[in-house]
């Protein structure tokens, strides 16, 4: 409940404070803290926990200064560090708002641990996978995001970046070969078809793109200049790229191995499609559970609702996730036959230069 108090206070102060100046964010360290006490939020029946803190400013223009804060975001103790935003009101008074805890150390630790685990287990292949991941994230942050913020067509940008990510990931992780080229062509076609399908379904379902809180803030920050529905489409396409890479490379590798063993093309097609059906079943389940896990808090909220299930699912919050899962599933299903047929055409036997690893 503590975040509700902060959100409530922020909504009350935002209209007046936004005109007084730009907020400054800085990091602070707790020097002293009172025992938490509970209060009822004005106009609500919920309680929030409040502490009075004395903190030292560690960064920014006022570093070294000691200030007092009222904290209703999370319980703090002496030595804790977190971020604070300050803004000057029209009366000249500085208003402070407690922000997020400083969790960068924990994030760095778990990230390095994950990278180490991949490299130790996967060796050079694991290192290439990490390099591909870094390249993909860089492409999203430094190319996709600026293009979307500049107002370029989200569906076209998202599809192009998705295909670019596929090219980078397959080349770095699996190497350049006929197998990876067949997988790349198959997934690229699947991305384009899935993108067009997502466009049609989003249009007929009248998805506005305002399902998440972050999109509401984004719309406010950009003065409504962005196509949030199109950005939702881009998110769908980017979200299924990793799974498409997995299923396509596996299919192309299966075709290669079958043809290399002397199996005729028709028999290789039948056997590889059999492998693809098993793989699709597992991946579709993985995709659906991943989205369900991300939406678990929302599911718990609506579990207490007495509203009819079909009406709950009709809300954009759930409708958007259903569309996201369905389009991703269709993209995976399309990638299997597309990649298989293309691999049959490209591969006539065992490739020179060794094997391409599917995982």
Foldseek 3Di string as FASTA:
>chain_A
DLVVLLVVVCVVCVVQQVVQDDKDKFKKFFAAKDDWDWDADVPDRDIFIKMKTWIATCDDPRHRDIDIDIGRRDDDGGGWMFMKIWTAGPVRDIDIGTDGTPCVVVVVVVVVVVLVVQCVVVPQLSVLQVVLVVVLVCCCPVPVVVCQLVADQLLVSLLVSLLVSLVSNCCSNFNDDLLSVLLSVLLSVLLVVLLVVLVVVCVVLVQQLVLDPVVVVVCVVSVNRGRNSSNLSSCLSNVLSVVSLLLLSQLLQQLQVCLQVPHDLVVSLVVSVVVSVVSLVVVLVVLLVVLCVVCVVVVVVCVPPPDDPVVVCSDSNNVSSVSSSVSSSSSSVSSRNSSNVSSSVRHNHHTPPDGGDSD
